[in-house]
Amino acid sequence: MHTKPLTDVPTLRQQARHHVDQGAVTAGYTADRAAILKLLDAALATEIVCVLRYRRHYFLARGIHSKTVADEFLMHSNEELSHADLLAERIVQLGGEPDFSPDSLTRRSHAEYVAGTSLIDMIKENLVAERIAIDSYRDMVLYIGEQDPTTRRLLETILAVEEEHADDLSDLLQGLPLNKSEV
């Protein structure tokens, strides 16, 4: 069911030539670009904070179960970095500039940077951060709706990976002994 008629070819051609300097942002883009860029910037900061937390945990994981857990942390860190790259690319496509400033990362991030002291603490803190990311991405997807399908699909793809990360961390947590001295 279509609610909007298709634009005729001569109009498409004319619109494409108008504001050609705006790249991918065409006359058909209906979202509030400034609001979308702000959402994407917060998501970018969140991903970078998660990369850094996972990296710290990768290097500091200790104990009998640390190899498996550390490997998971490293894999998640690399996937979060790829999310950051995708978000930065989309920001540029929409005419913005990705903000990688270390001075404001934690302020813009939805997730917190909590160091964690034991393997269990590290897993829990990463799981909390993934749960925050899941709800943040879900909210963004709902907010964007049909206004910007490209950004929505990007966020949906990242959301699916964040849900997978949360599931992985939950499995790790259930597989570890409850006695902190063993971990």
N, C-alpha and C. Protein backbone atom coordinates (compact mmCIF):
# COMPACT_ATOMS: atom_id res chain seq x y z
N MET A 1 0.83 -1.16 0.00
CA MET A 1 0.00 0.00 0.00
C MET A 1 0.88 1.24 0.00
N HIS A 2 0.75 2.08 -0.99
CA HIS A 2 1.55 3.30 -1.11
C HIS A 2 0.72 4.50 -0.66
N THR A 3 1.31 5.34 0.14
CA THR A 3 0.60 6.53 0.61
C THR A 3 1.02 7.77 -0.16
N LYS A 4 2.15 7.72 -0.81
CA LYS A 4 2.67 8.88 -1.53
C LYS A 4 2.92 8.47 -2.98
N PRO A 5 2.47 9.28 -3.92
CA PRO A 5 2.72 8.93 -5.33
C PRO A 5 4.22 9.07 -5.65
N LEU A 6 4.67 8.30 -6.63
CA LEU A 6 6.06 8.39 -7.07
C LEU A 6 6.32 9.73 -7.72
N THR A 7 7.54 10.23 -7.53
CA THR A 7 7.95 11.48 -8.16
C THR A 7 8.27 11.20 -9.62
N ASP A 8 7.81 12.08 -10.50
CA ASP A 8 8.07 11.86 -11.92
C ASP A 8 9.55 12.09 -12.22
N VAL A 9 10.03 11.46 -13.30
CA VAL A 9 11.45 11.48 -13.65
C VAL A 9 11.98 12.90 -13.88
N PRO A 10 11.29 13.77 -14.62
CA PRO A 10 11.83 15.13 -14.79
C PRO A 10 12.01 15.86 -13.45
N THR A 11 11.10 15.66 -12.52
CA THR A 11 11.23 16.30 -11.19
C THR A 11 12.41 15.72 -10.44
N LEU A 12 12.59 14.39 -10.49
CA LEU A 12 13.74 13.76 -9.85
C LEU A 12 15.05 14.35 -10.38
N ARG A 13 15.11 14.50 -11.70
CA ARG A 13 16.33 15.05 -12.32
C ARG A 13 16.58 16.48 -11.89
N GLN A 14 15.52 17.27 -11.83
CA GLN A 14 15.66 18.66 -11.42
C GLN A 14 16.10 18.76 -9.96
N GLN A 15 15.47 17.98 -9.11
CA GLN A 15 15.82 18.00 -7.68
C GLN A 15 17.26 17.54 -7.44
N ALA A 16 17.72 16.59 -8.23
CA ALA A 16 19.09 16.09 -8.07
C ALA A 16 20.12 17.17 -8.37
N ARG A 17 19.81 18.06 -9.27
CA ARG A 17 20.75 19.14 -9.63
C ARG A 17 20.70 20.29 -8.62
N HIS A 18 19.59 20.42 -7.92
CA HIS A 18 19.42 21.48 -6.93
C HIS A 18 20.16 21.09 -5.65
N HIS A 19 20.98 21.94 -5.12
CA HIS A 19 21.76 21.69 -3.90
C HIS A 19 22.65 20.44 -4.04
N VAL A 20 23.28 20.30 -5.20
CA VAL A 20 24.13 19.14 -5.48
C VAL A 20 25.27 19.01 -4.46
N ASP A 21 25.64 20.12 -3.83
CA ASP A 21 26.73 20.11 -2.84
C ASP A 21 26.34 19.39 -1.54
N GLN A 22 25.08 19.01 -1.38
CA GLN A 22 24.64 18.34 -0.17
C GLN A 22 24.77 16.82 -0.26
N GLY A 23 25.35 16.32 -1.33
CA GLY A 23 25.65 14.89 -1.45
C GLY A 23 24.43 14.01 -1.33
N ALA A 24 24.44 13.13 -0.33
CA ALA A 24 23.37 12.15 -0.16
C ALA A 24 22.08 12.76 0.38
N VAL A 25 22.12 13.96 0.92
CA VAL A 25 20.93 14.60 1.47
C VAL A 25 20.18 15.30 0.33
N THR A 26 19.13 14.64 -0.12
CA THR A 26 18.36 15.15 -1.26
C THR A 26 17.07 15.82 -0.78
N ALA A 27 16.31 16.37 -1.73
CA ALA A 27 15.03 17.01 -1.41
C ALA A 27 14.06 16.03 -0.75
N GLY A 28 14.22 14.76 -1.01
CA GLY A 28 13.34 13.75 -0.44
C GLY A 28 13.65 13.38 1.00
N TYR A 29 14.73 13.91 1.55
CA TYR A 29 15.10 13.61 2.93
C TYR A 29 14.18 14.41 3.85
N THR A 30 13.37 13.73 4.63
CA THR A 30 12.34 14.41 5.42
C THR A 30 12.66 14.51 6.91
N ALA A 31 13.70 13.85 7.36
CA ALA A 31 14.02 13.86 8.80
C ALA A 31 14.63 15.20 9.20
N ASP A 32 14.59 15.47 10.49
CA ASP A 32 15.27 16.63 11.06
C ASP A 32 16.76 16.26 11.13
N ARG A 33 17.51 16.74 10.15
CA ARG A 33 18.91 16.33 10.01
C ARG A 33 19.71 16.65 11.26
N ALA A 34 19.49 17.82 11.85
CA ALA A 34 20.24 18.19 13.06
C ALA A 34 19.95 17.22 14.20
N ALA A 35 18.69 16.80 14.34
CA ALA A 35 18.33 15.85 15.40
C ALA A 35 18.95 14.48 15.13
N ILE A 36 18.94 14.06 13.87
CA ILE A 36 19.53 12.75 13.51
C ILE A 36 21.03 12.79 13.77
N LEU A 37 21.68 13.88 13.39
CA LEU A 37 23.12 13.99 13.62
C LEU A 37 23.44 13.95 15.12
N LYS A 38 22.60 14.57 15.93
CA LYS A 38 22.82 14.54 17.38
C LYS A 38 22.67 13.11 17.92
N LEU A 39 21.67 12.37 17.44
CA LEU A 39 21.50 10.97 17.84
C LEU A 39 22.71 10.14 17.43
N LEU A 40 23.14 10.34 16.19
CA LEU A 40 24.29 9.57 15.68
C LEU A 40 25.56 9.90 16.44
N ASP A 41 25.72 11.16 16.83
CA ASP A 41 26.90 11.56 17.59
C ASP A 41 26.91 10.90 18.97
N ALA A 42 25.74 10.83 19.60
CA ALA A 42 25.65 10.15 20.90
C ALA A 42 25.94 8.66 20.74
N ALA A 43 25.43 8.07 19.67
CA ALA A 43 25.70 6.64 19.41
C ALA A 43 27.18 6.42 19.16
N LEU A 44 27.81 7.33 18.41
CA LEU A 44 29.25 7.23 18.15
C LEU A 44 30.03 7.29 19.46
N ALA A 45 29.70 8.23 20.32
CA ALA A 45 30.39 8.35 21.61
C ALA A 45 30.19 7.08 22.43
N THR A 46 28.98 6.55 22.41
CA THR A 46 28.69 5.32 23.16
C THR A 46 29.55 4.17 22.65
N GLU A 47 29.65 4.02 21.36
CA GLU A 47 30.46 2.94 20.78
C GLU A 47 31.93 3.09 21.14
N ILE A 48 32.44 4.31 21.10
CA ILE A 48 33.86 4.53 21.41
C ILE A 48 34.14 4.22 22.88
N VAL A 49 33.24 4.65 23.76
CA VAL A 49 33.40 4.35 25.19
C VAL A 49 33.38 2.83 25.40
N CYS A 50 32.50 2.15 24.69
CA CYS A 50 32.43 0.68 24.81
C CYS A 50 33.70 0.02 24.27
N VAL A 51 34.24 0.53 23.18
CA VAL A 51 35.50 0.01 22.65
C VAL A 51 36.58 0.10 23.73
N LEU A 52 36.68 1.27 24.35
CA LEU A 52 37.73 1.49 25.35
C LEU A 52 37.54 0.61 26.59
N ARG A 53 36.31 0.48 27.06
CA ARG A 53 36.04 -0.36 28.22
C ARG A 53 36.36 -1.82 27.92
N TYR A 54 35.87 -2.31 26.76
CA TYR A 54 36.16 -3.70 26.38
C TYR A 54 37.67 -3.93 26.24
N ARG A 55 38.40 -2.97 25.67
CA ARG A 55 39.86 -3.14 25.53
C ARG A 55 40.53 -3.24 26.89
N ARG A 56 40.13 -2.36 27.79
CA ARG A 56 40.70 -2.42 29.15
C ARG A 56 40.45 -3.79 29.76
N HIS A 57 39.22 -4.25 29.64
CA HIS A 57 38.86 -5.55 30.22
C HIS A 57 39.60 -6.69 29.54
N TYR A 58 39.82 -6.57 28.25
CA TYR A 58 40.59 -7.59 27.52
C TYR A 58 41.99 -7.74 28.13
N PHE A 59 42.64 -6.62 28.35
CA PHE A 59 44.00 -6.66 28.86
C PHE A 59 44.10 -7.00 30.34
N LEU A 60 43.06 -6.69 31.11
CA LEU A 60 43.12 -6.90 32.56
C LEU A 60 42.43 -8.18 33.03
N ALA A 61 41.82 -8.92 32.12
CA ALA A 61 41.13 -10.16 32.51
C ALA A 61 42.15 -11.14 33.10
N ARG A 62 41.84 -11.63 34.31
CA ARG A 62 42.72 -12.57 35.01
C ARG A 62 41.89 -13.69 35.60
N GLY A 63 42.50 -14.83 35.77
CA GLY A 63 41.84 -15.94 36.43
C GLY A 63 41.75 -17.15 35.52
N ILE A 64 41.24 -18.21 36.08
CA ILE A 64 41.21 -19.48 35.38
C ILE A 64 40.35 -19.44 34.11
N HIS A 65 39.33 -18.60 34.12
CA HIS A 65 38.42 -18.50 32.98
C HIS A 65 38.73 -17.30 32.09
N SER A 66 39.83 -16.64 32.33
CA SER A 66 40.08 -15.35 31.69
C SER A 66 40.31 -15.43 30.18
N LYS A 67 40.92 -16.48 29.68
CA LYS A 67 41.23 -16.56 28.25
C LYS A 67 39.96 -16.49 27.40
N THR A 68 38.97 -17.29 27.74
CA THR A 68 37.71 -17.30 26.99
C THR A 68 37.01 -15.95 27.08
N VAL A 69 36.95 -15.41 28.28
CA VAL A 69 36.27 -14.14 28.51
C VAL A 69 37.03 -13.01 27.81
N ALA A 70 38.34 -12.98 27.94
CA ALA A 70 39.14 -11.94 27.30
C ALA A 70 38.97 -11.99 25.79
N ASP A 71 38.95 -13.16 25.21
CA ASP A 71 38.74 -13.28 23.77
C ASP A 71 37.39 -12.70 23.35
N GLU A 72 36.38 -12.92 24.17
CA GLU A 72 35.05 -12.36 23.90
C GLU A 72 35.09 -10.83 23.99
N PHE A 73 35.79 -10.31 25.01
CA PHE A 73 35.93 -8.86 25.16
C PHE A 73 36.61 -8.26 23.92
N LEU A 74 37.65 -8.90 23.44
CA LEU A 74 38.36 -8.38 22.27
C LEU A 74 37.47 -8.39 21.03
N MET A 75 36.73 -9.48 20.85
CA MET A 75 35.84 -9.55 19.70
C MET A 75 34.77 -8.47 19.78
N HIS A 76 34.21 -8.27 20.95
CA HIS A 76 33.19 -7.23 21.12
C HIS A 76 33.78 -5.85 20.89
N SER A 77 34.98 -5.63 21.37
CA SER A 77 35.65 -4.34 21.17
C SER A 77 35.81 -4.05 19.68
N ASN A 78 36.24 -5.05 18.93
CA ASN A 78 36.43 -4.86 17.48
C ASN A 78 35.10 -4.60 16.78
N GLU A 79 34.04 -5.27 17.22
CA GLU A 79 32.73 -5.04 16.62
C GLU A 79 32.19 -3.66 16.97
N GLU A 80 32.43 -3.20 18.19
CA GLU A 80 32.01 -1.86 18.58
C GLU A 80 32.77 -0.81 17.77
N LEU A 81 34.04 -1.08 17.50
CA LEU A 81 34.83 -0.16 16.66
C LEU A 81 34.25 -0.09 15.25
N SER A 82 33.84 -1.23 14.71
CA SER A 82 33.24 -1.20 13.37
C SER A 82 31.91 -0.44 13.39
N HIS A 83 31.16 -0.53 14.50
CA HIS A 83 29.94 0.26 14.63
C HIS A 83 30.27 1.75 14.63
N ALA A 84 31.31 2.12 15.37
CA ALA A 84 31.72 3.53 15.40
C ALA A 84 32.08 4.02 14.01
N ASP A 85 32.78 3.20 13.24
CA ASP A 85 33.13 3.59 11.88
C ASP A 85 31.90 3.79 11.01
N LEU A 86 30.92 2.88 11.13
CA LEU A 86 29.69 2.99 10.35
C LEU A 86 28.92 4.25 10.74
N LEU A 87 28.85 4.54 12.01
CA LEU A 87 28.15 5.74 12.48
C LEU A 87 28.85 7.00 11.99
N ALA A 88 30.18 7.02 12.07
CA ALA A 88 30.94 8.19 11.60
C ALA A 88 30.72 8.40 10.10
N GLU A 89 30.71 7.31 9.36
CA GLU A 89 30.46 7.40 7.91
C GLU A 89 29.08 7.97 7.63
N ARG A 90 28.08 7.54 8.37
CA ARG A 90 26.72 8.05 8.16
C ARG A 90 26.63 9.52 8.53
N ILE A 91 27.30 9.92 9.60
CA ILE A 91 27.32 11.33 9.99
C ILE A 91 27.87 12.18 8.85
N VAL A 92 28.94 11.74 8.24
CA VAL A 92 29.54 12.47 7.11
C VAL A 92 28.58 12.49 5.92
N GLN A 93 27.92 11.36 5.63
CA GLN A 93 26.95 11.31 4.52
C GLN A 93 25.84 12.33 4.72
N LEU A 94 25.48 12.59 5.96
CA LEU A 94 24.41 13.55 6.24
C LEU A 94 24.92 14.97 6.39
N GLY A 95 26.19 15.18 6.06
CA GLY A 95 26.76 16.52 6.07
C GLY A 95 27.28 16.97 7.41
N GLY A 96 27.44 16.04 8.34
CA GLY A 96 27.96 16.39 9.66
C GLY A 96 29.43 16.02 9.79
N GLU A 97 29.96 16.26 10.96
CA GLU A 97 31.34 15.91 11.27
C GLU A 97 31.34 15.04 12.52
N PRO A 98 31.84 13.81 12.42
CA PRO A 98 31.87 12.95 13.61
C PRO A 98 32.77 13.54 14.68
N ASP A 99 32.30 13.50 15.92
CA ASP A 99 33.03 14.08 17.04
C ASP A 99 33.76 12.97 17.79
N PHE A 100 35.08 12.95 17.62
CA PHE A 100 35.92 11.96 18.29
C PHE A 100 36.65 12.57 19.49
N SER A 101 36.23 13.73 19.93
CA SER A 101 36.93 14.42 21.00
C SER A 101 36.92 13.63 22.29
N PRO A 102 38.10 13.28 22.79
CA PRO A 102 38.17 12.53 24.06
C PRO A 102 37.60 13.34 25.23
N ASP A 103 37.66 14.68 25.14
CA ASP A 103 37.22 15.52 26.24
C ASP A 103 35.73 15.37 26.55
N SER A 104 34.93 15.00 25.56
CA SER A 104 33.48 14.94 25.79
C SER A 104 32.86 13.56 25.55
N LEU A 105 33.68 12.55 25.31
CA LEU A 105 33.15 11.22 25.00
C LEU A 105 32.20 10.70 26.08
N THR A 106 32.65 10.69 27.32
CA THR A 106 31.81 10.10 28.37
C THR A 106 30.56 10.93 28.64
N ARG A 107 30.62 12.22 28.40
CA ARG A 107 29.46 13.08 28.58
C ARG A 107 28.40 12.81 27.51
N ARG A 108 28.84 12.51 26.29
CA ARG A 108 27.91 12.27 25.17
C ARG A 108 27.46 10.82 25.10
N SER A 109 28.19 9.92 25.72
CA SER A 109 27.90 8.50 25.66
C SER A 109 26.70 8.13 26.52
N HIS A 110 25.89 7.23 26.03
CA HIS A 110 24.79 6.71 26.85
C HIS A 110 25.34 5.73 27.88
N ALA A 111 26.32 4.93 27.50
CA ALA A 111 26.92 3.95 28.41
C ALA A 111 28.01 4.63 29.24
N GLU A 112 28.24 4.06 30.41
CA GLU A 112 29.27 4.57 31.29
C GLU A 112 30.57 3.79 31.09
N TYR A 113 31.66 4.41 31.50
CA TYR A 113 32.94 3.72 31.49
C TYR A 113 33.23 3.30 32.93
N VAL A 114 32.92 2.04 33.24
CA VAL A 114 33.17 1.50 34.58
C VAL A 114 34.24 0.43 34.43
N ALA A 115 35.32 0.61 35.16
CA ALA A 115 36.49 -0.25 34.98
C ALA A 115 36.24 -1.71 35.36
N GLY A 116 35.57 -1.95 36.46
CA GLY A 116 35.41 -3.33 36.92
C GLY A 116 36.69 -3.84 37.54
N THR A 117 36.57 -4.60 38.64
CA THR A 117 37.77 -5.06 39.33
C THR A 117 38.01 -6.56 39.17
N SER A 118 36.95 -7.32 39.01
CA SER A 118 37.09 -8.76 38.83
C SER A 118 36.50 -9.15 37.47
N LEU A 119 36.74 -10.36 37.06
CA LEU A 119 36.20 -10.85 35.80
C LEU A 119 34.67 -10.76 35.80
N ILE A 120 34.05 -11.13 36.92
CA ILE A 120 32.59 -11.04 37.01
C ILE A 120 32.13 -9.59 36.92
N ASP A 121 32.81 -8.68 37.61
CA ASP A 121 32.46 -7.25 37.53
C ASP A 121 32.58 -6.74 36.10
N MET A 122 33.65 -7.14 35.42
CA MET A 122 33.86 -6.71 34.04
C MET A 122 32.72 -7.19 33.14
N ILE A 123 32.37 -8.45 33.27
CA ILE A 123 31.28 -9.00 32.45
C ILE A 123 29.98 -8.25 32.76
N LYS A 124 29.69 -8.05 34.04
CA LYS A 124 28.46 -7.36 34.42
C LYS A 124 28.43 -5.92 33.88
N GLU A 125 29.54 -5.21 34.00
CA GLU A 125 29.57 -3.83 33.51
C GLU A 125 29.38 -3.77 32.00
N ASN A 126 29.98 -4.71 31.29
CA ASN A 126 29.79 -4.75 29.84
C ASN A 126 28.35 -5.13 29.50
N LEU A 127 27.76 -6.01 30.27
CA LEU A 127 26.37 -6.40 30.04
C LEU A 127 25.43 -5.22 30.30
N VAL A 128 25.68 -4.48 31.36
CA VAL A 128 24.88 -3.27 31.63
C VAL A 128 25.00 -2.29 30.46
N ALA A 129 26.21 -2.08 29.98
CA ALA A 129 26.42 -1.16 28.86
C ALA A 129 25.70 -1.64 27.60
N GLU A 130 25.72 -2.94 27.35
CA GLU A 130 25.02 -3.48 26.18
C GLU A 130 23.51 -3.28 26.34
N ARG A 131 23.00 -3.46 27.53
CA ARG A 131 21.57 -3.27 27.77
C ARG A 131 21.17 -1.81 27.56
N ILE A 132 22.04 -0.90 27.97
CA ILE A 132 21.81 0.53 27.72
C ILE A 132 21.81 0.79 26.22
N ALA A 133 22.78 0.24 25.52
CA ALA A 133 22.86 0.43 24.06
C ALA A 133 21.63 -0.14 23.37
N ILE A 134 21.17 -1.29 23.81
CA ILE A 134 19.98 -1.90 23.20
C ILE A 134 18.78 -0.97 23.31
N ASP A 135 18.53 -0.47 24.51
CA ASP A 135 17.39 0.44 24.67
C ASP A 135 17.59 1.76 23.93
N SER A 136 18.82 2.26 23.92
CA SER A 136 19.11 3.50 23.19
C SER A 136 18.86 3.34 21.69
N TYR A 137 19.40 2.26 21.12
CA TYR A 137 19.20 2.03 19.68
C TYR A 137 17.73 1.78 19.36
N ARG A 138 17.05 1.04 20.21
CA ARG A 138 15.62 0.79 19.98
C ARG A 138 14.85 2.11 19.98
N ASP A 139 15.14 2.99 20.94
CA ASP A 139 14.49 4.30 20.98
C ASP A 139 14.79 5.11 19.72
N MET A 140 16.04 5.09 19.28
CA MET A 140 16.41 5.84 18.07
C MET A 140 15.67 5.32 16.85
N VAL A 141 15.59 4.01 16.73
CA VAL A 141 14.90 3.40 15.59
C VAL A 141 13.44 3.84 15.57
N LEU A 142 12.79 3.81 16.72
CA LEU A 142 11.39 4.22 16.81
C LEU A 142 11.24 5.71 16.52
N TYR A 143 12.17 6.52 17.02
CA TYR A 143 12.12 7.96 16.79
C TYR A 143 12.25 8.29 15.30
N ILE A 144 13.17 7.62 14.63
CA ILE A 144 13.42 7.90 13.21
C ILE A 144 12.27 7.40 12.34
N GLY A 145 11.74 6.24 12.67
CA GLY A 145 10.63 5.70 11.89
C GLY A 145 10.95 5.62 10.41
N GLU A 146 10.07 6.18 9.61
CA GLU A 146 10.24 6.15 8.15
C GLU A 146 10.91 7.40 7.61
N GLN A 147 11.29 8.34 8.48
CA GLN A 147 11.87 9.60 8.03
C GLN A 147 13.24 9.45 7.38
N ASP A 148 14.02 8.49 7.85
CA ASP A 148 15.38 8.28 7.34
C ASP A 148 15.64 6.77 7.35
N PRO A 149 15.16 6.07 6.31
CA PRO A 149 15.28 4.60 6.30
C PRO A 149 16.72 4.10 6.32
N THR A 150 17.64 4.83 5.74
CA THR A 150 19.04 4.39 5.71
C THR A 150 19.62 4.39 7.12
N THR A 151 19.43 5.47 7.85
CA THR A 151 19.92 5.54 9.23
C THR A 151 19.20 4.52 10.10
N ARG A 152 17.90 4.38 9.91
CA ARG A 152 17.14 3.41 10.70
C ARG A 152 17.69 2.00 10.49
N ARG A 153 17.94 1.62 9.22
CA ARG A 153 18.47 0.27 8.95
C ARG A 153 19.85 0.09 9.56
N LEU A 154 20.69 1.11 9.50
CA LEU A 154 22.01 1.05 10.11
C LEU A 154 21.88 0.80 11.61
N LEU A 155 21.01 1.55 12.26
CA LEU A 155 20.82 1.40 13.70
C LEU A 155 20.21 0.04 14.04
N GLU A 156 19.31 -0.46 13.20
CA GLU A 156 18.74 -1.78 13.42
C GLU A 156 19.80 -2.87 13.31
N THR A 157 20.72 -2.71 12.38
CA THR A 157 21.81 -3.67 12.22
C THR A 157 22.71 -3.67 13.46
N ILE A 158 23.06 -2.48 13.94
CA ILE A 158 23.89 -2.37 15.14
C ILE A 158 23.13 -2.92 16.34
N LEU A 159 21.84 -2.62 16.44
CA LEU A 159 21.01 -3.12 17.54
C LEU A 159 21.06 -4.65 17.62
N ALA A 160 20.97 -5.30 16.47
CA ALA A 160 21.00 -6.77 16.46
C ALA A 160 22.31 -7.30 17.03
N VAL A 161 23.42 -6.65 16.71
CA VAL A 161 24.73 -7.08 17.23
C VAL A 161 24.82 -6.81 18.73
N GLU A 162 24.28 -5.67 19.17
CA GLU A 162 24.30 -5.36 20.60
C GLU A 162 23.49 -6.40 21.38
N GLU A 163 22.37 -6.84 20.82
CA GLU A 163 21.58 -7.88 21.48
C GLU A 163 22.36 -9.19 21.55
N GLU A 164 23.10 -9.48 20.49
CA GLU A 164 23.95 -10.67 20.49
C GLU A 164 25.04 -10.56 21.55
N HIS A 165 25.64 -9.37 21.68
CA HIS A 165 26.67 -9.16 22.71
C HIS A 165 26.08 -9.40 24.10
N ALA A 166 24.90 -8.85 24.36
CA ALA A 166 24.28 -9.03 25.67
C ALA A 166 24.03 -10.51 25.95
N ASP A 167 23.59 -11.23 24.93
CA ASP A 167 23.36 -12.66 25.09
C ASP A 167 24.67 -13.39 25.38
N ASP A 168 25.73 -13.05 24.66
CA ASP A 168 27.04 -13.65 24.89
C ASP A 168 27.52 -13.41 26.33
N LEU A 169 27.38 -12.18 26.79
CA LEU A 169 27.85 -11.83 28.13
C LEU A 169 27.02 -12.52 29.20
N SER A 170 25.73 -12.61 28.97
CA SER A 170 24.86 -13.32 29.90
C SER A 170 25.26 -14.79 29.99
N ASP A 171 25.57 -15.39 28.84
CA ASP A 171 26.04 -16.78 28.83
C ASP A 171 27.35 -16.93 29.60
N LEU A 172 28.27 -15.98 29.40
CA LEU A 172 29.55 -16.04 30.13
C LEU A 172 29.32 -15.94 31.62
N LEU A 173 28.45 -15.05 32.02
CA LEU A 173 28.18 -14.84 33.44
C LEU A 173 27.59 -16.09 34.07
N GLN A 174 26.71 -16.75 33.36
CA GLN A 174 26.09 -17.97 33.88
C GLN A 174 27.09 -19.13 33.95
N GLY A 175 28.12 -19.07 33.11
CA GLY A 175 29.10 -20.15 33.08
C GLY A 175 30.22 -20.02 34.10
N LEU A 176 30.28 -18.89 34.78
CA LEU A 176 31.36 -18.68 35.76
C LEU A 176 30.89 -19.06 37.16
N PRO A 177 31.84 -19.50 37.99
CA PRO A 177 31.48 -19.82 39.38
C PRO A 177 31.09 -18.54 40.12
N LEU A 178 30.18 -18.66 41.06
CA LEU A 178 29.72 -17.50 41.82
C LEU A 178 30.74 -17.01 42.81
N ASN A 179 31.66 -17.85 43.21
CA ASN A 179 32.70 -17.48 44.16
C ASN A 179 33.73 -16.59 43.45
N LYS A 180 33.77 -15.31 43.83
CA LYS A 180 34.66 -14.37 43.16
C LYS A 180 36.13 -14.77 43.27
N SER A 181 36.48 -15.49 44.29
CA SER A 181 37.89 -15.86 44.46
C SER A 181 38.34 -16.85 43.39
N GLU A 182 37.38 -17.52 42.74
CA GLU A 182 37.73 -18.46 41.69
C GLU A 182 37.89 -17.79 40.32
N VAL A 183 37.49 -16.54 40.23
CA VAL A 183 37.49 -15.86 38.95
C VAL A 183 38.57 -14.80 38.89
